[in-house]
Amino acid sequence: MVEISKPCIVDVIIFDFGGVIAEEGFLNGLRSIAELNGLDPESFAKTGFDLVHATGYVVGKVREPVYWEAVRDATGIRNDDEFLRKEILEHFVLRPWMASLVKTLRESGMRLGMLSDQTNWLDELNSKYGFFEWFDLVFNSYHQGKSKRDPSAFKDILAAMGAAAERVLFVDDNPGNVKKAQEAGMHTILCSGRESFMGQLRRYCPGVRFPAGTGERLE
């Protein structure tokens, strides 16, 4: 039953970063690096993605130079660390419509969190854009020591937010992460396009007046 005194029928909304708040900078950056080196973008992106987990970089077990050296060893590229990290960071572009939406939710009184499988790059992006202030809590795998591959990551953020799973909405663009959140008892939205996302969000937040333009398709 809708609680008309509240903006949303949940108490907390937790967002992913890459692919939701911002463009998917990591995979898109890896594809760009592959193209610049004349390599297959999808194969290279898969290798880079697998290595961010295999090296432990995504959970803070190693630092960035170790990761890039592993990528060079596996793929044969010879670009230096600074070139490679710049290519990744440039592909993390905040989505203006999502920024407006998140700010509107916060102004409506909603509690918001971020649960992201990111490295130290998330801190650097925040230094540039200042999006941490939009959220009550930011859980970054690099600092938490576990990624969303570990189901307990979802329990951790629920405990930190002091929220029951059935009162939480989780938004991610990765079907596997969405499934884990569902298994933890959360409501979920798979963010696969702006129009679909907004249609689902409005059902959860009937009391929020969202900014114009948020119902259009993703570019």
N, C-alpha and C. Protein backbone atom coordinates (compact mmCIF):
# COMPACT_ATOMS: atom_id res chain seq x y z
N MET A 1 0.85 -1.20 0.00
CA MET A 1 0.00 0.00 0.00
C MET A 1 0.88 1.25 0.00
N VAL A 2 0.58 2.20 -0.83
CA VAL A 2 1.38 3.43 -0.94
C VAL A 2 1.21 4.29 0.30
N GLU A 3 2.34 4.72 0.87
CA GLU A 3 2.31 5.63 2.01
C GLU A 3 2.34 7.05 1.45
N ILE A 4 1.19 7.69 1.37
CA ILE A 4 1.10 8.96 0.67
C ILE A 4 1.84 10.09 1.40
N SER A 5 2.19 9.86 2.67
CA SER A 5 2.91 10.90 3.41
C SER A 5 4.40 10.90 3.07
N LYS A 6 4.85 9.89 2.34
CA LYS A 6 6.26 9.77 1.98
C LYS A 6 6.43 9.89 0.46
N PRO A 7 7.61 10.36 0.01
CA PRO A 7 7.81 10.51 -1.43
C PRO A 7 7.88 9.17 -2.17
N CYS A 8 8.38 8.14 -1.48
CA CYS A 8 8.55 6.82 -2.10
C CYS A 8 8.00 5.74 -1.17
N ILE A 9 7.71 4.59 -1.72
CA ILE A 9 7.19 3.49 -0.91
C ILE A 9 8.32 2.67 -0.30
N VAL A 10 9.57 3.07 -0.52
CA VAL A 10 10.73 2.51 0.16
C VAL A 10 11.37 3.63 0.97
N ASP A 11 12.26 3.25 1.87
CA ASP A 11 12.92 4.25 2.72
C ASP A 11 14.29 4.67 2.19
N VAL A 12 14.92 3.77 1.44
CA VAL A 12 16.29 3.99 0.96
C VAL A 12 16.39 3.56 -0.50
N ILE A 13 17.15 4.32 -1.29
CA ILE A 13 17.47 3.91 -2.66
C ILE A 13 18.99 3.87 -2.78
N ILE A 14 19.50 2.75 -3.27
CA ILE A 14 20.94 2.55 -3.42
C ILE A 14 21.26 2.44 -4.91
N PHE A 15 22.22 3.25 -5.36
CA PHE A 15 22.59 3.32 -6.77
C PHE A 15 23.98 2.75 -7.01
N ASP A 16 24.14 2.12 -8.15
CA ASP A 16 25.45 1.81 -8.70
C ASP A 16 26.00 3.11 -9.31
N PHE A 17 27.31 3.12 -9.63
CA PHE A 17 27.88 4.32 -10.25
C PHE A 17 28.01 4.16 -11.76
N GLY A 18 29.02 3.43 -12.24
CA GLY A 18 29.24 3.27 -13.67
C GLY A 18 28.10 2.53 -14.35
N GLY A 19 27.50 3.14 -15.36
CA GLY A 19 26.37 2.54 -16.05
C GLY A 19 25.05 2.99 -15.50
N VAL A 20 25.07 3.75 -14.39
CA VAL A 20 23.85 4.28 -13.79
C VAL A 20 24.00 5.79 -13.57
N ILE A 21 24.76 6.18 -12.56
CA ILE A 21 24.99 7.60 -12.31
C ILE A 21 25.83 8.22 -13.43
N ALA A 22 26.77 7.45 -13.93
CA ALA A 22 27.65 7.90 -15.03
C ALA A 22 27.65 6.86 -16.13
N GLU A 23 28.18 7.24 -17.27
CA GLU A 23 28.40 6.27 -18.34
C GLU A 23 29.34 5.18 -17.84
N GLU A 24 29.27 4.01 -18.45
CA GLU A 24 30.13 2.89 -18.05
C GLU A 24 31.56 3.15 -18.51
N GLY A 25 32.29 3.93 -17.73
CA GLY A 25 33.61 4.40 -18.13
C GLY A 25 34.67 3.33 -18.18
N PHE A 26 34.59 2.34 -17.31
CA PHE A 26 35.64 1.33 -17.26
C PHE A 26 35.65 0.48 -18.54
N LEU A 27 34.53 -0.14 -18.85
CA LEU A 27 34.49 -0.99 -20.04
C LEU A 27 34.65 -0.18 -21.32
N ASN A 28 34.00 0.99 -21.36
CA ASN A 28 34.14 1.83 -22.56
C ASN A 28 35.57 2.33 -22.72
N GLY A 29 36.22 2.64 -21.60
CA GLY A 29 37.62 3.06 -21.65
C GLY A 29 38.52 1.94 -22.14
N LEU A 30 38.26 0.72 -21.66
CA LEU A 30 39.04 -0.43 -22.12
C LEU A 30 38.85 -0.66 -23.62
N ARG A 31 37.62 -0.51 -24.08
CA ARG A 31 37.37 -0.68 -25.52
C ARG A 31 38.13 0.37 -26.33
N SER A 32 38.18 1.59 -25.82
CA SER A 32 38.90 2.66 -26.50
C SER A 32 40.40 2.37 -26.56
N ILE A 33 40.95 1.86 -25.45
CA ILE A 33 42.37 1.49 -25.41
C ILE A 33 42.65 0.40 -26.45
N ALA A 34 41.74 -0.57 -26.55
CA ALA A 34 41.92 -1.64 -27.53
C ALA A 34 41.95 -1.09 -28.95
N GLU A 35 41.01 -0.21 -29.25
CA GLU A 35 40.95 0.36 -30.60
C GLU A 35 42.21 1.16 -30.93
N LEU A 36 42.72 1.88 -29.95
CA LEU A 36 43.95 2.66 -30.17
C LEU A 36 45.15 1.76 -30.41
N ASN A 37 45.06 0.52 -29.95
CA ASN A 37 46.15 -0.44 -30.13
C ASN A 37 45.86 -1.46 -31.22
N GLY A 38 44.77 -1.27 -31.95
CA GLY A 38 44.44 -2.17 -33.04
C GLY A 38 44.02 -3.56 -32.59
N LEU A 39 43.41 -3.65 -31.40
CA LEU A 39 42.99 -4.94 -30.85
C LEU A 39 41.47 -5.03 -30.82
N ASP A 40 40.97 -6.25 -30.67
CA ASP A 40 39.53 -6.45 -30.60
C ASP A 40 38.98 -5.84 -29.32
N PRO A 41 38.06 -4.88 -29.41
CA PRO A 41 37.58 -4.17 -28.22
C PRO A 41 36.90 -5.06 -27.18
N GLU A 42 36.07 -5.98 -27.63
CA GLU A 42 35.32 -6.80 -26.67
C GLU A 42 36.22 -7.79 -25.96
N SER A 43 37.14 -8.40 -26.70
CA SER A 43 38.07 -9.34 -26.08
C SER A 43 38.98 -8.63 -25.08
N PHE A 44 39.47 -7.45 -25.47
CA PHE A 44 40.34 -6.68 -24.59
C PHE A 44 39.58 -6.24 -23.33
N ALA A 45 38.35 -5.78 -23.51
CA ALA A 45 37.55 -5.33 -22.37
C ALA A 45 37.30 -6.46 -21.39
N LYS A 46 37.03 -7.66 -21.92
CA LYS A 46 36.81 -8.81 -21.04
C LYS A 46 38.07 -9.12 -20.25
N THR A 47 39.22 -9.08 -20.93
CA THR A 47 40.48 -9.35 -20.24
C THR A 47 40.73 -8.32 -19.14
N GLY A 48 40.54 -7.05 -19.48
CA GLY A 48 40.74 -5.99 -18.49
C GLY A 48 39.80 -6.09 -17.32
N PHE A 49 38.55 -6.45 -17.60
CA PHE A 49 37.55 -6.61 -16.54
C PHE A 49 37.91 -7.79 -15.64
N ASP A 50 38.27 -8.92 -16.26
CA ASP A 50 38.63 -10.10 -15.47
C ASP A 50 39.84 -9.82 -14.58
N LEU A 51 40.80 -9.06 -15.11
CA LEU A 51 42.03 -8.80 -14.36
C LEU A 51 41.82 -7.83 -13.21
N VAL A 52 40.84 -6.94 -13.31
CA VAL A 52 40.62 -6.02 -12.20
C VAL A 52 40.16 -6.80 -10.97
N HIS A 53 39.51 -7.95 -11.21
CA HIS A 53 39.13 -8.83 -10.12
C HIS A 53 40.25 -9.81 -9.77
N ALA A 54 40.87 -10.39 -10.79
CA ALA A 54 41.90 -11.40 -10.54
C ALA A 54 43.11 -10.84 -9.78
N THR A 55 43.48 -9.61 -10.09
CA THR A 55 44.61 -8.99 -9.39
C THR A 55 44.24 -8.51 -7.99
N GLY A 56 42.95 -8.34 -7.74
CA GLY A 56 42.50 -7.79 -6.46
C GLY A 56 42.47 -6.29 -6.42
N TYR A 57 42.70 -5.65 -7.57
CA TYR A 57 42.72 -4.18 -7.60
C TYR A 57 41.37 -3.60 -7.21
N VAL A 58 40.28 -4.21 -7.65
CA VAL A 58 38.94 -3.66 -7.40
C VAL A 58 38.58 -3.70 -5.91
N VAL A 59 39.25 -4.56 -5.15
CA VAL A 59 38.97 -4.62 -3.70
C VAL A 59 40.16 -4.11 -2.88
N GLY A 60 41.05 -3.36 -3.54
CA GLY A 60 42.12 -2.67 -2.83
C GLY A 60 43.27 -3.53 -2.36
N LYS A 61 43.41 -4.74 -2.92
CA LYS A 61 44.52 -5.61 -2.50
C LYS A 61 45.83 -5.22 -3.16
N VAL A 62 45.76 -4.60 -4.32
CA VAL A 62 46.96 -4.09 -5.00
C VAL A 62 46.67 -2.68 -5.49
N ARG A 63 47.72 -1.98 -5.85
CA ARG A 63 47.56 -0.62 -6.35
C ARG A 63 47.53 -0.62 -7.87
N GLU A 64 47.19 0.52 -8.42
CA GLU A 64 46.95 0.65 -9.87
C GLU A 64 48.10 0.17 -10.75
N PRO A 65 49.36 0.47 -10.45
CA PRO A 65 50.45 0.01 -11.34
C PRO A 65 50.48 -1.50 -11.51
N VAL A 66 50.12 -2.25 -10.47
CA VAL A 66 50.10 -3.71 -10.57
C VAL A 66 49.05 -4.15 -11.58
N TYR A 67 47.91 -3.50 -11.53
CA TYR A 67 46.83 -3.83 -12.47
C TYR A 67 47.26 -3.58 -13.90
N TRP A 68 47.78 -2.39 -14.18
CA TRP A 68 48.14 -2.07 -15.55
C TRP A 68 49.28 -2.96 -16.06
N GLU A 69 50.17 -3.35 -15.20
CA GLU A 69 51.24 -4.26 -15.63
C GLU A 69 50.66 -5.61 -16.00
N ALA A 70 49.66 -6.07 -15.25
CA ALA A 70 49.00 -7.33 -15.58
C ALA A 70 48.28 -7.23 -16.92
N VAL A 71 47.66 -6.08 -17.20
CA VAL A 71 46.98 -5.87 -18.48
C VAL A 71 47.99 -5.88 -19.62
N ARG A 72 49.12 -5.21 -19.43
CA ARG A 72 50.16 -5.21 -20.47
C ARG A 72 50.68 -6.61 -20.73
N ASP A 73 50.92 -7.38 -19.66
CA ASP A 73 51.43 -8.74 -19.81
C ASP A 73 50.45 -9.63 -20.56
N ALA A 74 49.15 -9.42 -20.31
CA ALA A 74 48.12 -10.28 -20.90
C ALA A 74 47.77 -9.91 -22.34
N THR A 75 47.95 -8.64 -22.69
CA THR A 75 47.47 -8.18 -24.00
C THR A 75 48.56 -7.72 -24.95
N GLY A 76 49.73 -7.42 -24.43
CA GLY A 76 50.82 -6.96 -25.29
C GLY A 76 50.86 -5.47 -25.53
N ILE A 77 49.92 -4.70 -24.95
CA ILE A 77 49.97 -3.25 -25.14
C ILE A 77 51.18 -2.68 -24.39
N ARG A 78 51.61 -1.50 -24.79
CA ARG A 78 52.80 -0.91 -24.17
C ARG A 78 52.57 0.53 -23.68
N ASN A 79 51.33 0.97 -23.63
CA ASN A 79 51.03 2.32 -23.14
C ASN A 79 51.38 2.41 -21.66
N ASP A 80 51.82 3.59 -21.22
CA ASP A 80 52.17 3.75 -19.81
C ASP A 80 50.93 3.94 -18.95
N ASP A 81 51.11 3.85 -17.64
CA ASP A 81 49.99 3.91 -16.71
C ASP A 81 49.18 5.19 -16.86
N GLU A 82 49.86 6.32 -16.99
CA GLU A 82 49.17 7.60 -17.04
C GLU A 82 48.26 7.70 -18.26
N PHE A 83 48.75 7.21 -19.39
CA PHE A 83 47.94 7.21 -20.62
C PHE A 83 46.69 6.34 -20.41
N LEU A 84 46.89 5.16 -19.84
CA LEU A 84 45.79 4.21 -19.68
C LEU A 84 44.74 4.72 -18.70
N ARG A 85 45.17 5.24 -17.56
CA ARG A 85 44.21 5.73 -16.57
C ARG A 85 43.45 6.94 -17.10
N LYS A 86 44.12 7.79 -17.88
CA LYS A 86 43.46 8.96 -18.46
C LYS A 86 42.35 8.51 -19.41
N GLU A 87 42.62 7.47 -20.18
CA GLU A 87 41.62 6.96 -21.12
C GLU A 87 40.39 6.43 -20.38
N ILE A 88 40.63 5.76 -19.25
CA ILE A 88 39.51 5.24 -18.46
C ILE A 88 38.70 6.39 -17.85
N LEU A 89 39.39 7.30 -17.18
CA LEU A 89 38.69 8.38 -16.46
C LEU A 89 37.89 9.27 -17.40
N GLU A 90 38.38 9.49 -18.60
CA GLU A 90 37.67 10.35 -19.55
C GLU A 90 36.34 9.74 -20.00
N HIS A 91 36.20 8.43 -19.85
CA HIS A 91 34.97 7.78 -20.28
C HIS A 91 33.91 7.71 -19.18
N PHE A 92 34.27 8.08 -17.96
CA PHE A 92 33.27 8.19 -16.90
C PHE A 92 32.66 9.58 -16.97
N VAL A 93 31.55 9.70 -17.66
CA VAL A 93 30.88 10.99 -17.83
C VAL A 93 29.56 10.95 -17.06
N LEU A 94 29.39 11.88 -16.12
CA LEU A 94 28.14 11.93 -15.36
C LEU A 94 26.96 12.18 -16.30
N ARG A 95 25.86 11.50 -16.04
CA ARG A 95 24.64 11.70 -16.81
C ARG A 95 23.86 12.86 -16.18
N PRO A 96 23.74 13.98 -16.87
CA PRO A 96 23.05 15.14 -16.27
C PRO A 96 21.64 14.83 -15.80
N TRP A 97 20.89 14.04 -16.56
CA TRP A 97 19.52 13.72 -16.17
C TRP A 97 19.49 12.91 -14.88
N MET A 98 20.50 12.02 -14.70
CA MET A 98 20.56 11.22 -13.48
C MET A 98 20.98 12.08 -12.29
N ALA A 99 21.90 13.01 -12.53
CA ALA A 99 22.31 13.92 -11.46
C ALA A 99 21.11 14.72 -10.97
N SER A 100 20.29 15.22 -11.89
CA SER A 100 19.10 15.98 -11.51
C SER A 100 18.12 15.12 -10.75
N LEU A 101 17.97 13.89 -11.18
CA LEU A 101 17.05 12.96 -10.54
C LEU A 101 17.48 12.65 -9.11
N VAL A 102 18.77 12.35 -8.93
CA VAL A 102 19.28 12.02 -7.59
C VAL A 102 19.12 13.22 -6.65
N LYS A 103 19.44 14.41 -7.14
CA LYS A 103 19.28 15.60 -6.31
C LYS A 103 17.82 15.83 -5.93
N THR A 104 16.92 15.56 -6.86
CA THR A 104 15.50 15.71 -6.58
C THR A 104 15.05 14.73 -5.50
N LEU A 105 15.52 13.49 -5.60
CA LEU A 105 15.19 12.49 -4.58
C LEU A 105 15.69 12.92 -3.21
N ARG A 106 16.91 13.43 -3.18
CA ARG A 106 17.49 13.87 -1.91
C ARG A 106 16.70 15.04 -1.33
N GLU A 107 16.34 15.98 -2.17
CA GLU A 107 15.57 17.14 -1.71
C GLU A 107 14.17 16.74 -1.23
N SER A 108 13.67 15.61 -1.72
CA SER A 108 12.36 15.12 -1.29
C SER A 108 12.42 14.45 0.08
N GLY A 109 13.64 14.24 0.58
CA GLY A 109 13.81 13.63 1.90
C GLY A 109 14.22 12.18 1.86
N MET A 110 14.47 11.62 0.67
CA MET A 110 14.87 10.23 0.58
C MET A 110 16.31 10.04 1.07
N ARG A 111 16.55 8.88 1.68
CA ARG A 111 17.91 8.49 2.05
C ARG A 111 18.51 7.73 0.86
N LEU A 112 19.72 8.11 0.49
CA LEU A 112 20.35 7.55 -0.71
C LEU A 112 21.72 6.98 -0.38
N GLY A 113 22.06 5.88 -1.06
CA GLY A 113 23.37 5.27 -0.91
C GLY A 113 23.95 4.92 -2.27
N MET A 114 25.26 4.68 -2.29
CA MET A 114 25.93 4.20 -3.50
C MET A 114 26.70 2.93 -3.15
N LEU A 115 26.53 1.91 -3.98
CA LEU A 115 27.28 0.66 -3.83
C LEU A 115 27.95 0.39 -5.17
N SER A 116 29.28 0.57 -5.22
CA SER A 116 29.98 0.55 -6.49
C SER A 116 31.23 -0.32 -6.44
N ASP A 117 31.40 -1.13 -7.48
CA ASP A 117 32.65 -1.87 -7.65
C ASP A 117 33.60 -0.96 -8.42
N GLN A 118 34.31 -0.12 -7.68
CA GLN A 118 35.25 0.81 -8.30
C GLN A 118 36.57 0.79 -7.54
N THR A 119 37.56 1.42 -8.12
CA THR A 119 38.87 1.52 -7.51
C THR A 119 39.05 2.93 -6.96
N ASN A 120 40.28 3.33 -6.77
CA ASN A 120 40.60 4.70 -6.36
C ASN A 120 40.12 5.73 -7.38
N TRP A 121 39.78 5.26 -8.59
CA TRP A 121 39.26 6.16 -9.62
C TRP A 121 37.98 6.85 -9.16
N LEU A 122 37.16 6.18 -8.35
CA LEU A 122 35.91 6.79 -7.89
C LEU A 122 36.20 8.02 -7.04
N ASP A 123 37.22 7.96 -6.21
CA ASP A 123 37.59 9.11 -5.39
C ASP A 123 38.06 10.27 -6.26
N GLU A 124 38.81 9.95 -7.30
CA GLU A 124 39.30 11.00 -8.19
C GLU A 124 38.17 11.64 -8.98
N LEU A 125 37.22 10.83 -9.41
CA LEU A 125 36.06 11.36 -10.11
C LEU A 125 35.22 12.24 -9.19
N ASN A 126 35.11 11.84 -7.93
CA ASN A 126 34.38 12.67 -6.97
C ASN A 126 35.08 14.00 -6.75
N SER A 127 36.40 13.99 -6.74
CA SER A 127 37.15 15.24 -6.58
C SER A 127 36.83 16.21 -7.71
N LYS A 128 36.54 15.65 -8.88
CA LYS A 128 36.24 16.47 -10.05
C LYS A 128 34.78 16.91 -10.07
N TYR A 129 33.86 15.99 -9.73
CA TYR A 129 32.44 16.27 -9.90
C TYR A 129 31.67 16.52 -8.59
N GLY A 130 32.20 16.03 -7.46
CA GLY A 130 31.55 16.28 -6.17
C GLY A 130 30.24 15.57 -5.96
N PHE A 131 30.10 14.32 -6.45
CA PHE A 131 28.82 13.63 -6.34
C PHE A 131 28.65 12.87 -5.02
N PHE A 132 29.70 12.67 -4.25
CA PHE A 132 29.54 11.96 -2.97
C PHE A 132 28.53 12.68 -2.07
N GLU A 133 28.48 14.00 -2.17
CA GLU A 133 27.61 14.78 -1.29
C GLU A 133 26.13 14.53 -1.57
N TRP A 134 25.82 13.88 -2.68
CA TRP A 134 24.43 13.57 -2.98
C TRP A 134 23.92 12.38 -2.16
N PHE A 135 24.85 11.62 -1.57
CA PHE A 135 24.50 10.35 -0.93
C PHE A 135 24.78 10.37 0.57
N ASP A 136 23.96 9.65 1.32
CA ASP A 136 24.19 9.52 2.76
C ASP A 136 25.37 8.60 3.03
N LEU A 137 25.61 7.65 2.14
CA LEU A 137 26.68 6.67 2.33
C LEU A 137 27.19 6.20 0.98
N VAL A 138 28.51 6.11 0.83
CA VAL A 138 29.13 5.59 -0.39
C VAL A 138 29.97 4.37 -0.03
N PHE A 139 29.60 3.22 -0.57
CA PHE A 139 30.38 2.00 -0.39
C PHE A 139 31.12 1.72 -1.70
N ASN A 140 32.44 1.81 -1.65
CA ASN A 140 33.30 1.55 -2.80
C ASN A 140 34.09 0.28 -2.51
N SER A 141 34.04 -0.69 -3.41
CA SER A 141 34.71 -1.97 -3.19
C SER A 141 36.20 -1.82 -2.86
N TYR A 142 36.82 -0.80 -3.44
CA TYR A 142 38.25 -0.57 -3.23
C TYR A 142 38.56 -0.32 -1.75
N HIS A 143 37.64 0.36 -1.07
CA HIS A 143 37.83 0.67 0.34
C HIS A 143 37.15 -0.35 1.26
N GLN A 144 36.06 -0.96 0.78
CA GLN A 144 35.35 -1.93 1.61
C GLN A 144 36.04 -3.29 1.65
N GLY A 145 36.88 -3.56 0.63
CA GLY A 145 37.59 -4.85 0.60
C GLY A 145 36.76 -6.00 0.08
N LYS A 146 35.61 -5.69 -0.52
CA LYS A 146 34.81 -6.74 -1.16
C LYS A 146 33.98 -6.12 -2.27
N SER A 147 33.73 -6.91 -3.30
CA SER A 147 32.96 -6.42 -4.44
C SER A 147 31.56 -7.01 -4.38
N LYS A 148 30.74 -6.60 -5.33
CA LYS A 148 29.37 -7.12 -5.39
C LYS A 148 29.32 -8.57 -5.84
N ARG A 149 30.47 -9.14 -6.19
CA ARG A 149 30.51 -10.58 -6.43
C ARG A 149 30.27 -11.34 -5.12
N ASP A 150 30.56 -10.69 -4.01
CA ASP A 150 30.35 -11.25 -2.67
C ASP A 150 28.97 -10.82 -2.18
N PRO A 151 28.02 -11.74 -2.03
CA PRO A 151 26.67 -11.37 -1.60
C PRO A 151 26.64 -10.60 -0.28
N SER A 152 27.65 -10.80 0.56
CA SER A 152 27.63 -10.11 1.85
C SER A 152 27.80 -8.60 1.71
N ALA A 153 28.26 -8.14 0.54
CA ALA A 153 28.39 -6.69 0.31
C ALA A 153 27.03 -6.01 0.42
N PHE A 154 25.99 -6.71 0.01
CA PHE A 154 24.65 -6.14 0.08
C PHE A 154 24.16 -6.08 1.53
N LYS A 155 24.49 -7.10 2.30
CA LYS A 155 24.13 -7.09 3.72
C LYS A 155 24.88 -6.00 4.46
N ASP A 156 26.12 -5.76 4.06
CA ASP A 156 26.94 -4.74 4.71
C ASP A 156 26.33 -3.34 4.56
N ILE A 157 25.90 -3.03 3.34
CA ILE A 157 25.36 -1.68 3.14
C ILE A 157 23.99 -1.53 3.80
N LEU A 158 23.22 -2.61 3.86
CA LEU A 158 21.95 -2.56 4.57
C LEU A 158 22.18 -2.26 6.05
N ALA A 159 23.18 -2.93 6.63
CA ALA A 159 23.48 -2.72 8.04
C ALA A 159 23.97 -1.30 8.28
N ALA A 160 24.83 -0.81 7.38
CA ALA A 160 25.38 0.53 7.53
C ALA A 160 24.31 1.60 7.38
N MET A 161 23.33 1.35 6.51
CA MET A 161 22.23 2.30 6.32
C MET A 161 21.14 2.14 7.38
N GLY A 162 21.22 1.05 8.15
CA GLY A 162 20.20 0.81 9.17
C GLY A 162 18.84 0.58 8.57
N ALA A 163 18.80 -0.15 7.44
CA ALA A 163 17.55 -0.33 6.71
C ALA A 163 17.24 -1.81 6.51
N ALA A 164 15.96 -2.16 6.62
CA ALA A 164 15.52 -3.51 6.31
C ALA A 164 15.49 -3.68 4.81
N ALA A 165 15.88 -4.85 4.33
CA ALA A 165 15.99 -5.09 2.89
C ALA A 165 14.70 -4.78 2.15
N GLU A 166 13.56 -5.12 2.75
CA GLU A 166 12.28 -4.90 2.06
C GLU A 166 11.90 -3.43 1.97
N ARG A 167 12.68 -2.56 2.61
CA ARG A 167 12.43 -1.12 2.54
C ARG A 167 13.47 -0.41 1.67
N VAL A 168 14.20 -1.19 0.88
CA VAL A 168 15.30 -0.65 0.08
C VAL A 168 15.10 -0.97 -1.39
N LEU A 169 15.39 0.02 -2.24
CA LEU A 169 15.39 -0.16 -3.69
C LEU A 169 16.83 -0.06 -4.18
N PHE A 170 17.27 -1.06 -4.95
CA PHE A 170 18.63 -1.11 -5.47
C PHE A 170 18.60 -0.95 -6.99
N VAL A 171 19.47 -0.07 -7.52
CA VAL A 171 19.50 0.22 -8.96
C VAL A 171 20.89 -0.09 -9.50
N ASP A 172 20.97 -0.96 -10.52
CA ASP A 172 22.25 -1.35 -11.10
C ASP A 172 22.02 -1.71 -12.57
N ASP A 173 23.08 -1.63 -13.38
CA ASP A 173 22.95 -2.01 -14.78
C ASP A 173 23.44 -3.43 -15.04
N ASN A 174 23.90 -4.11 -13.99
CA ASN A 174 24.43 -5.47 -14.12
C ASN A 174 23.40 -6.48 -13.63
N PRO A 175 22.90 -7.36 -14.51
CA PRO A 175 21.87 -8.32 -14.09
C PRO A 175 22.29 -9.21 -12.93
N GLY A 176 23.57 -9.58 -12.88
CA GLY A 176 24.05 -10.41 -11.78
C GLY A 176 23.97 -9.71 -10.44
N ASN A 177 24.30 -8.42 -10.43
CA ASN A 177 24.21 -7.65 -9.19
C ASN A 177 22.76 -7.47 -8.76
N VAL A 178 21.89 -7.25 -9.73
CA VAL A 178 20.47 -7.11 -9.44
C VAL A 178 19.92 -8.40 -8.83
N LYS A 179 20.34 -9.52 -9.36
CA LYS A 179 19.88 -10.81 -8.83
C LYS A 179 20.34 -10.99 -7.38
N LYS A 180 21.59 -10.63 -7.09
CA LYS A 180 22.08 -10.77 -5.70
C LYS A 180 21.31 -9.87 -4.75
N ALA A 181 20.98 -8.65 -5.21
CA ALA A 181 20.20 -7.75 -4.37
C ALA A 181 18.81 -8.32 -4.11
N GLN A 182 18.22 -8.93 -5.13
CA GLN A 182 16.91 -9.56 -4.96
C GLN A 182 17.00 -10.70 -3.96
N GLU A 183 18.07 -11.48 -4.05
CA GLU A 183 18.26 -12.59 -3.12
C GLU A 183 18.46 -12.10 -1.69
N ALA A 184 18.97 -10.85 -1.55
CA ALA A 184 19.13 -10.25 -0.23
C ALA A 184 17.82 -9.68 0.29
N GLY A 185 16.78 -9.67 -0.56
CA GLY A 185 15.47 -9.21 -0.14
C GLY A 185 15.11 -7.80 -0.57
N MET A 186 15.97 -7.17 -1.39
CA MET A 186 15.72 -5.80 -1.81
C MET A 186 14.79 -5.74 -3.02
N HIS A 187 14.14 -4.60 -3.18
CA HIS A 187 13.49 -4.27 -4.44
C HIS A 187 14.59 -3.85 -5.42
N THR A 188 14.38 -4.04 -6.70
CA THR A 188 15.44 -3.74 -7.66
C THR A 188 14.90 -3.13 -8.94
N ILE A 189 15.79 -2.37 -9.60
CA ILE A 189 15.56 -1.91 -10.97
C ILE A 189 16.83 -2.19 -11.75
N LEU A 190 16.70 -2.91 -12.86
CA LEU A 190 17.80 -3.10 -13.78
C LEU A 190 17.82 -1.90 -14.72
N CYS A 191 18.85 -1.09 -14.63
CA CYS A 191 18.93 0.15 -15.41
C CYS A 191 19.44 -0.16 -16.81
N SER A 192 18.51 -0.35 -17.74
CA SER A 192 18.88 -0.69 -19.11
C SER A 192 18.53 0.41 -20.10
N GLY A 193 17.91 1.46 -19.64
CA GLY A 193 17.53 2.58 -20.50
C GLY A 193 16.75 3.60 -19.69
N ARG A 194 16.83 4.84 -20.09
CA ARG A 194 16.23 5.91 -19.30
C ARG A 194 14.71 5.78 -19.21
N GLU A 195 14.06 5.52 -20.31
CA GLU A 195 12.61 5.45 -20.34
C GLU A 195 12.09 4.33 -19.44
N SER A 196 12.69 3.14 -19.57
CA SER A 196 12.28 2.00 -18.76
C SER A 196 12.57 2.25 -17.29
N PHE A 197 13.75 2.79 -17.01
CA PHE A 197 14.14 3.08 -15.63
C PHE A 197 13.16 4.05 -14.97
N MET A 198 12.85 5.14 -15.67
CA MET A 198 11.97 6.14 -15.08
C MET A 198 10.56 5.59 -14.87
N GLY A 199 10.11 4.74 -15.77
CA GLY A 199 8.79 4.15 -15.60
C GLY A 199 8.72 3.33 -14.32
N GLN A 200 9.78 2.57 -14.05
CA GLN A 200 9.81 1.76 -12.83
C GLN A 200 9.99 2.62 -11.59
N LEU A 201 10.87 3.63 -11.68
CA LEU A 201 11.13 4.48 -10.51
C LEU A 201 9.88 5.25 -10.09
N ARG A 202 9.12 5.70 -11.06
CA ARG A 202 7.91 6.46 -10.72
C ARG A 202 6.91 5.59 -9.94
N ARG A 203 6.92 4.29 -10.20
CA ARG A 203 6.03 3.41 -9.43
C ARG A 203 6.48 3.29 -7.98
N TYR A 204 7.78 3.36 -7.77
CA TYR A 204 8.31 3.31 -6.40
C TYR A 204 8.22 4.67 -5.71
N CYS A 205 8.25 5.73 -6.49
CA CYS A 205 8.26 7.08 -5.92
C CYS A 205 7.15 7.94 -6.50
N PRO A 206 5.89 7.57 -6.22
CA PRO A 206 4.77 8.31 -6.80
C PRO A 206 4.63 9.73 -6.25
N GLY A 207 5.27 9.99 -5.12
CA GLY A 207 5.15 11.31 -4.52
C GLY A 207 6.24 12.29 -4.92
N VAL A 208 7.12 11.89 -5.84
CA VAL A 208 8.23 12.75 -6.26
C VAL A 208 7.92 13.36 -7.63
N ARG A 209 8.12 14.66 -7.73
CA ARG A 209 7.96 15.34 -9.01
C ARG A 209 9.34 15.44 -9.65
N PHE A 210 9.59 14.59 -10.62
CA PHE A 210 10.91 14.52 -11.24
C PHE A 210 11.11 15.62 -12.28
N PRO A 211 12.38 16.02 -12.50
CA PRO A 211 12.67 17.07 -13.47
C PRO A 211 12.22 16.69 -14.88
N ALA A 212 11.91 17.69 -15.68
CA ALA A 212 11.54 17.44 -17.09
C ALA A 212 12.73 16.83 -17.82
N GLY A 213 12.42 15.92 -18.75
CA GLY A 213 13.48 15.34 -19.57
C GLY A 213 14.02 14.02 -19.06
N THR A 214 13.59 13.58 -17.87
CA THR A 214 14.16 12.34 -17.34
C THR A 214 13.49 11.10 -17.90
N GLY A 215 12.46 11.25 -18.72
CA GLY A 215 11.80 10.09 -19.27
C GLY A 215 12.23 9.74 -20.67
N GLU A 216 13.26 10.40 -21.19
CA GLU A 216 13.70 10.13 -22.54
C GLU A 216 14.63 8.93 -22.60
N ARG A 217 14.84 8.43 -23.79
CA ARG A 217 15.73 7.28 -23.95
C ARG A 217 17.18 7.70 -23.73
N LEU A 218 17.99 6.71 -23.28
CA LEU A 218 19.42 6.95 -23.17
C LEU A 218 20.02 7.16 -24.53
N GLU A 219 20.97 8.10 -24.62
CA GLU A 219 21.67 8.31 -25.89
C GLU A 219 22.73 7.23 -26.06
